């Protein structure tokens, strides 16, 4: 049976820029960065306490997905504090923190414009 999610994919236009953002700004760790055919790379990163990787890779023909809603939510201990820390590093947000009956969330934009939900554990 399925044990866990190995990785999710986020489409990127500029792999070097995306890699710097995920490593230097978000503090993720590099899992792999290797060639994947002419002019293509497979880059996978992982949050410091996470098991699921994030593949910074755009499949051929999927370039129109770059800079859209990534349809993923990442857990934070404190969304408002994370929001302030990332804003201080120049990260753009589509939505500031909002409290809802089910928890607090905000929507961050990565270096490629992909929108990612940050939310608190409940």
N, C-alpha and C. Protein backbone atom coordinates (compact mmCIF):
# COMPACT_ATOMS: atom_id res chain seq x y z
N UNK A 1 0.84 -1.20 0.00
CA UNK A 1 0.00 0.00 0.00
C UNK A 1 0.87 1.25 0.00
N UNK A 2 0.25 2.36 -0.25
CA UNK A 2 0.97 3.63 -0.28
C UNK A 2 1.39 4.00 1.14
N UNK A 3 2.67 4.36 1.30
CA UNK A 3 3.22 4.70 2.62
C UNK A 3 3.31 6.19 2.85
N UNK A 4 3.69 6.95 1.81
CA UNK A 4 3.85 8.39 1.97
C UNK A 4 3.97 9.02 0.59
N UNK A 5 3.94 10.34 0.55
CA UNK A 5 4.16 11.05 -0.70
C UNK A 5 5.65 11.31 -0.83
N UNK A 6 6.26 10.85 -1.91
CA UNK A 6 7.70 11.01 -2.11
C UNK A 6 8.05 12.44 -2.48
N UNK A 7 7.33 13.01 -3.46
CA UNK A 7 7.56 14.40 -3.83
C UNK A 7 6.33 14.97 -4.51
N UNK A 8 6.26 16.29 -4.52
CA UNK A 8 5.27 17.00 -5.31
C UNK A 8 6.05 17.79 -6.34
N UNK A 9 5.44 18.15 -7.44
CA UNK A 9 6.13 18.90 -8.47
C UNK A 9 5.65 20.34 -8.53
N UNK A 10 6.59 21.25 -8.68
CA UNK A 10 6.29 22.66 -8.88
C UNK A 10 7.02 23.09 -10.15
N UNK A 11 6.24 23.59 -11.11
CA UNK A 11 6.81 24.00 -12.39
C UNK A 11 7.60 25.30 -12.24
N UNK A 12 8.80 25.32 -12.82
CA UNK A 12 9.66 26.50 -12.73
C UNK A 12 10.19 26.88 -14.11
N UNK A 13 10.41 28.18 -14.30
CA UNK A 13 10.98 28.68 -15.56
C UNK A 13 12.50 28.73 -15.48
N UNK A 14 13.01 29.17 -14.32
CA UNK A 14 14.44 29.35 -14.14
C UNK A 14 14.90 28.46 -12.98
N UNK A 15 15.43 27.28 -13.28
CA UNK A 15 15.81 26.34 -12.23
C UNK A 15 16.82 26.90 -11.23
N UNK A 16 17.79 27.69 -11.71
CA UNK A 16 18.79 28.25 -10.79
C UNK A 16 18.15 29.24 -9.82
N UNK A 17 17.28 30.12 -10.34
CA UNK A 17 16.59 31.09 -9.49
C UNK A 17 15.70 30.36 -8.48
N UNK A 18 14.97 29.35 -8.94
CA UNK A 18 14.09 28.59 -8.05
C UNK A 18 14.89 27.87 -6.97
N UNK A 19 16.01 27.28 -7.37
CA UNK A 19 16.84 26.57 -6.40
C UNK A 19 17.36 27.52 -5.32
N UNK A 20 17.84 28.69 -5.73
CA UNK A 20 18.30 29.69 -4.74
C UNK A 20 17.17 30.08 -3.79
N UNK A 21 15.97 30.29 -4.33
CA UNK A 21 14.83 30.68 -3.51
C UNK A 21 14.52 29.61 -2.48
N UNK A 22 14.40 28.38 -2.93
CA UNK A 22 14.02 27.30 -2.01
C UNK A 22 15.11 26.99 -0.98
N UNK A 23 16.37 27.09 -1.38
CA UNK A 23 17.46 26.82 -0.43
C UNK A 23 17.75 28.03 0.46
N UNK A 24 17.99 29.18 -0.14
CA UNK A 24 18.45 30.35 0.61
C UNK A 24 17.34 31.11 1.33
N UNK A 25 16.17 31.21 0.73
CA UNK A 25 15.08 31.97 1.34
C UNK A 25 14.23 31.09 2.24
N UNK A 26 13.82 29.93 1.74
CA UNK A 26 12.95 29.06 2.53
C UNK A 26 13.71 28.12 3.46
N UNK A 27 15.00 27.93 3.23
CA UNK A 27 15.79 27.06 4.10
C UNK A 27 15.62 25.58 3.85
N UNK A 28 15.17 25.22 2.64
CA UNK A 28 15.03 23.81 2.30
C UNK A 28 16.42 23.21 2.08
N UNK A 29 16.48 21.88 2.09
CA UNK A 29 17.73 21.15 1.84
C UNK A 29 17.68 20.55 0.44
N UNK A 30 18.82 20.50 -0.20
CA UNK A 30 18.93 19.91 -1.54
C UNK A 30 18.94 18.38 -1.41
N UNK A 31 18.05 17.73 -2.15
CA UNK A 31 18.02 16.27 -2.19
C UNK A 31 18.82 15.79 -3.40
N UNK A 32 18.54 16.40 -4.56
CA UNK A 32 19.28 16.05 -5.77
C UNK A 32 19.18 17.17 -6.80
N UNK A 33 20.21 17.29 -7.60
CA UNK A 33 20.25 18.23 -8.73
C UNK A 33 21.08 17.53 -9.80
N UNK A 34 20.40 16.95 -10.79
CA UNK A 34 21.12 16.17 -11.79
C UNK A 34 20.55 16.40 -13.19
N UNK A 35 21.40 16.21 -14.20
CA UNK A 35 20.93 16.38 -15.58
C UNK A 35 19.82 15.38 -15.90
N UNK A 36 18.91 15.85 -16.75
CA UNK A 36 17.81 14.98 -17.18
C UNK A 36 17.57 15.22 -18.66
N UNK A 37 18.57 14.95 -19.46
CA UNK A 37 18.47 15.19 -20.89
C UNK A 37 19.04 16.55 -21.25
N UNK A 38 19.09 16.85 -22.53
CA UNK A 38 19.68 18.11 -22.99
C UNK A 38 18.97 19.34 -22.43
N UNK A 39 19.72 20.16 -21.71
CA UNK A 39 19.21 21.42 -21.18
C UNK A 39 18.17 21.29 -20.09
N UNK A 40 18.03 20.11 -19.50
CA UNK A 40 17.02 19.89 -18.45
C UNK A 40 17.69 19.30 -17.22
N UNK A 41 17.10 19.63 -16.06
CA UNK A 41 17.62 19.10 -14.78
C UNK A 41 16.46 18.63 -13.92
N UNK A 42 16.76 17.63 -13.10
CA UNK A 42 15.82 17.19 -12.07
C UNK A 42 16.37 17.73 -10.75
N UNK A 43 15.62 18.68 -10.17
CA UNK A 43 16.02 19.27 -8.90
C UNK A 43 14.95 18.91 -7.88
N UNK A 44 15.40 18.36 -6.77
CA UNK A 44 14.47 18.03 -5.69
C UNK A 44 15.01 18.60 -4.39
N UNK A 45 14.16 19.29 -3.66
CA UNK A 45 14.50 19.88 -2.37
C UNK A 45 13.49 19.38 -1.34
N UNK A 46 13.80 19.63 -0.07
CA UNK A 46 12.92 19.16 1.00
C UNK A 46 12.97 20.14 2.16
N UNK A 47 11.80 20.42 2.78
CA UNK A 47 11.83 21.29 3.96
C UNK A 47 12.63 20.63 5.09
N UNK A 48 13.18 21.44 6.00
CA UNK A 48 14.05 20.90 7.05
C UNK A 48 13.45 19.76 7.86
N UNK A 49 12.17 19.81 8.15
CA UNK A 49 11.55 18.76 8.98
C UNK A 49 10.59 17.90 8.17
N UNK A 50 10.65 17.99 6.86
CA UNK A 50 9.69 17.27 6.04
C UNK A 50 10.25 15.99 5.45
N UNK A 51 9.34 15.09 5.10
CA UNK A 51 9.70 13.86 4.40
C UNK A 51 9.42 13.96 2.91
N UNK A 52 8.46 14.80 2.54
CA UNK A 52 8.06 14.93 1.15
C UNK A 52 8.96 15.92 0.43
N UNK A 53 9.47 15.52 -0.72
CA UNK A 53 10.31 16.40 -1.51
C UNK A 53 9.48 17.32 -2.40
N UNK A 54 10.13 18.35 -2.91
CA UNK A 54 9.53 19.27 -3.86
C UNK A 54 10.42 19.23 -5.11
N UNK A 55 9.86 18.74 -6.21
CA UNK A 55 10.59 18.67 -7.47
C UNK A 55 10.40 19.99 -8.21
N UNK A 56 11.48 20.68 -8.46
CA UNK A 56 11.46 21.95 -9.19
C UNK A 56 11.74 21.62 -10.66
N UNK A 57 10.71 21.21 -11.34
CA UNK A 57 10.85 20.65 -12.69
C UNK A 57 9.58 20.91 -13.48
N UNK A 58 9.74 21.28 -14.73
CA UNK A 58 8.59 21.50 -15.60
C UNK A 58 8.60 20.47 -16.71
N UNK A 59 7.62 19.56 -16.71
CA UNK A 59 7.54 18.59 -17.80
C UNK A 59 7.30 19.30 -19.13
N UNK A 60 7.85 18.75 -20.18
CA UNK A 60 7.67 19.34 -21.50
C UNK A 60 6.18 19.48 -21.82
N UNK A 61 5.80 20.64 -22.31
CA UNK A 61 4.41 20.90 -22.64
C UNK A 61 3.59 21.45 -21.48
N UNK A 62 4.21 21.58 -20.31
CA UNK A 62 3.50 22.07 -19.13
C UNK A 62 3.95 23.47 -18.72
N UNK A 63 4.62 24.16 -19.60
CA UNK A 63 5.15 25.49 -19.28
C UNK A 63 4.06 26.48 -18.89
N UNK A 64 2.83 26.27 -19.34
CA UNK A 64 1.74 27.18 -19.00
C UNK A 64 1.33 27.07 -17.53
N UNK A 65 1.82 26.08 -16.82
CA UNK A 65 1.52 25.92 -15.39
C UNK A 65 2.44 26.76 -14.51
N UNK A 66 3.53 27.28 -15.07
CA UNK A 66 4.47 28.09 -14.28
C UNK A 66 3.78 29.37 -13.85
N UNK A 67 3.91 29.69 -12.57
CA UNK A 67 3.33 30.93 -12.05
C UNK A 67 1.85 30.84 -11.76
N UNK A 68 1.35 29.64 -11.55
CA UNK A 68 -0.07 29.47 -11.23
C UNK A 68 -0.21 28.98 -9.79
N UNK A 69 -1.42 28.64 -9.43
CA UNK A 69 -1.68 28.11 -8.09
C UNK A 69 -1.14 26.69 -8.02
N UNK A 70 -0.24 26.42 -7.09
CA UNK A 70 0.42 25.12 -7.02
C UNK A 70 -0.45 24.04 -6.38
N UNK A 71 -1.57 24.41 -5.78
CA UNK A 71 -2.52 23.47 -5.17
C UNK A 71 -1.85 22.56 -4.15
N UNK A 72 -1.09 23.18 -3.27
CA UNK A 72 -0.45 22.47 -2.18
C UNK A 72 -0.44 23.37 -0.95
N UNK A 73 -0.48 22.78 0.22
CA UNK A 73 -0.46 23.55 1.46
C UNK A 73 0.68 23.05 2.33
N UNK A 74 1.47 23.98 2.83
CA UNK A 74 2.62 23.62 3.65
C UNK A 74 2.40 24.09 5.07
N UNK A 75 2.68 23.21 6.01
CA UNK A 75 2.42 23.46 7.42
C UNK A 75 3.51 24.31 8.07
N UNK A 76 3.06 25.28 8.87
CA UNK A 76 3.95 26.14 9.65
C UNK A 76 3.53 26.07 11.12
N UNK A 77 4.46 26.29 12.02
CA UNK A 77 4.10 26.38 13.44
C UNK A 77 3.28 27.64 13.70
N UNK A 78 3.67 28.73 13.06
CA UNK A 78 3.03 30.03 13.27
C UNK A 78 3.01 30.77 11.93
N UNK A 79 1.86 30.79 11.28
CA UNK A 79 1.74 31.40 9.96
C UNK A 79 2.08 32.88 9.99
N UNK A 80 1.60 33.59 10.98
CA UNK A 80 1.85 35.03 11.03
C UNK A 80 3.34 35.34 11.19
N UNK A 81 4.02 34.59 12.03
CA UNK A 81 5.46 34.79 12.21
C UNK A 81 6.21 34.42 10.92
N UNK A 82 5.83 33.30 10.29
CA UNK A 82 6.46 32.89 9.03
C UNK A 82 6.23 33.93 7.96
N UNK A 83 5.03 34.46 7.89
CA UNK A 83 4.69 35.52 6.93
C UNK A 83 5.62 36.72 7.12
N UNK A 84 5.79 37.17 8.36
CA UNK A 84 6.64 38.33 8.63
C UNK A 84 8.11 38.04 8.30
N UNK A 85 8.59 36.86 8.65
CA UNK A 85 9.98 36.49 8.37
C UNK A 85 10.24 36.43 6.87
N UNK A 86 9.32 35.84 6.11
CA UNK A 86 9.51 35.73 4.67
C UNK A 86 9.35 37.06 3.97
N UNK A 87 8.41 37.88 4.43
CA UNK A 87 8.27 39.23 3.85
C UNK A 87 9.54 40.04 4.03
N UNK A 88 10.18 39.88 5.20
CA UNK A 88 11.43 40.59 5.48
C UNK A 88 12.55 40.13 4.52
N UNK A 89 12.42 38.92 3.98
CA UNK A 89 13.38 38.40 3.01
C UNK A 89 12.99 38.74 1.58
N UNK A 90 11.90 39.49 1.42
CA UNK A 90 11.47 39.91 0.09
C UNK A 90 10.47 39.00 -0.60
N UNK A 91 9.94 38.02 0.12
CA UNK A 91 8.98 37.11 -0.49
C UNK A 91 7.65 37.84 -0.69
N UNK A 92 7.06 37.63 -1.86
CA UNK A 92 5.76 38.23 -2.18
C UNK A 92 4.63 37.30 -1.75
N UNK A 93 3.54 37.89 -1.33
CA UNK A 93 2.37 37.11 -0.91
C UNK A 93 1.14 37.54 -1.71
N UNK A 94 0.34 36.57 -2.14
CA UNK A 94 -0.91 36.84 -2.82
C UNK A 94 -2.00 37.19 -1.81
N UNK A 95 -1.89 36.62 -0.61
CA UNK A 95 -2.84 36.90 0.48
C UNK A 95 -2.08 36.92 1.79
N UNK A 96 -2.30 37.94 2.63
CA UNK A 96 -1.69 37.96 3.95
C UNK A 96 -2.41 36.95 4.85
N UNK A 97 -1.89 36.73 6.06
CA UNK A 97 -2.53 35.78 6.96
C UNK A 97 -4.00 36.12 7.21
N UNK A 98 -4.80 35.09 7.19
CA UNK A 98 -6.23 35.21 7.48
C UNK A 98 -6.63 34.11 8.45
N UNK A 99 -7.36 34.51 9.47
CA UNK A 99 -7.87 33.52 10.43
C UNK A 99 -9.23 33.03 9.95
N UNK A 100 -9.38 31.71 9.94
CA UNK A 100 -10.63 31.07 9.57
C UNK A 100 -11.01 30.09 10.69
N UNK A 101 -12.24 29.63 10.72
CA UNK A 101 -12.63 28.67 11.76
C UNK A 101 -11.75 27.42 11.78
N UNK A 102 -11.22 27.06 10.63
CA UNK A 102 -10.39 25.85 10.53
C UNK A 102 -8.91 26.12 10.73
N UNK A 103 -8.50 27.41 10.86
CA UNK A 103 -7.09 27.73 11.09
C UNK A 103 -6.66 28.99 10.36
N UNK A 104 -5.40 29.33 10.51
CA UNK A 104 -4.83 30.51 9.88
C UNK A 104 -4.03 30.09 8.65
N UNK A 105 -4.13 30.90 7.58
CA UNK A 105 -3.39 30.59 6.37
C UNK A 105 -2.99 31.89 5.67
N UNK A 106 -2.04 31.77 4.75
CA UNK A 106 -1.69 32.85 3.83
C UNK A 106 -1.26 32.19 2.53
N UNK A 107 -1.10 32.99 1.49
CA UNK A 107 -0.67 32.44 0.20
C UNK A 107 0.60 33.14 -0.24
N UNK A 108 1.67 32.38 -0.30
CA UNK A 108 3.00 32.85 -0.67
C UNK A 108 3.20 32.65 -2.17
N UNK A 109 4.03 33.50 -2.77
CA UNK A 109 4.46 33.29 -4.15
C UNK A 109 5.94 32.92 -4.12
N UNK A 110 6.29 31.87 -4.85
CA UNK A 110 7.70 31.51 -4.92
C UNK A 110 8.40 32.37 -5.98
N UNK A 111 9.65 32.09 -6.26
CA UNK A 111 10.43 32.89 -7.21
C UNK A 111 9.87 32.87 -8.62
N UNK A 112 9.04 31.89 -8.93
CA UNK A 112 8.48 31.74 -10.27
C UNK A 112 7.03 32.22 -10.34
N UNK A 113 6.52 32.74 -9.22
CA UNK A 113 5.14 33.22 -9.18
C UNK A 113 4.12 32.17 -8.78
N UNK A 114 4.57 30.94 -8.52
CA UNK A 114 3.65 29.89 -8.09
C UNK A 114 3.08 30.22 -6.72
N UNK A 115 1.77 30.11 -6.56
CA UNK A 115 1.12 30.41 -5.28
C UNK A 115 0.99 29.15 -4.44
N UNK A 116 1.50 29.24 -3.20
CA UNK A 116 1.53 28.11 -2.28
C UNK A 116 0.89 28.53 -0.98
N UNK A 117 -0.04 27.72 -0.48
CA UNK A 117 -0.71 28.01 0.78
C UNK A 117 0.20 27.62 1.94
N UNK A 118 0.34 28.52 2.90
CA UNK A 118 1.01 28.22 4.16
C UNK A 118 -0.08 28.19 5.23
N UNK A 119 -0.13 27.14 6.03
CA UNK A 119 -1.18 27.02 7.03
C UNK A 119 -0.63 26.41 8.32
N UNK A 120 -1.38 26.62 9.39
CA UNK A 120 -0.99 26.07 10.69
C UNK A 120 -1.61 24.71 10.89
N UNK A 121 -0.92 23.89 11.65
CA UNK A 121 -1.45 22.58 12.01
C UNK A 121 -2.63 22.77 12.95
N UNK A 122 -3.60 21.96 12.82
CA UNK A 122 -4.78 22.02 13.70
C UNK A 122 -5.01 20.70 14.32
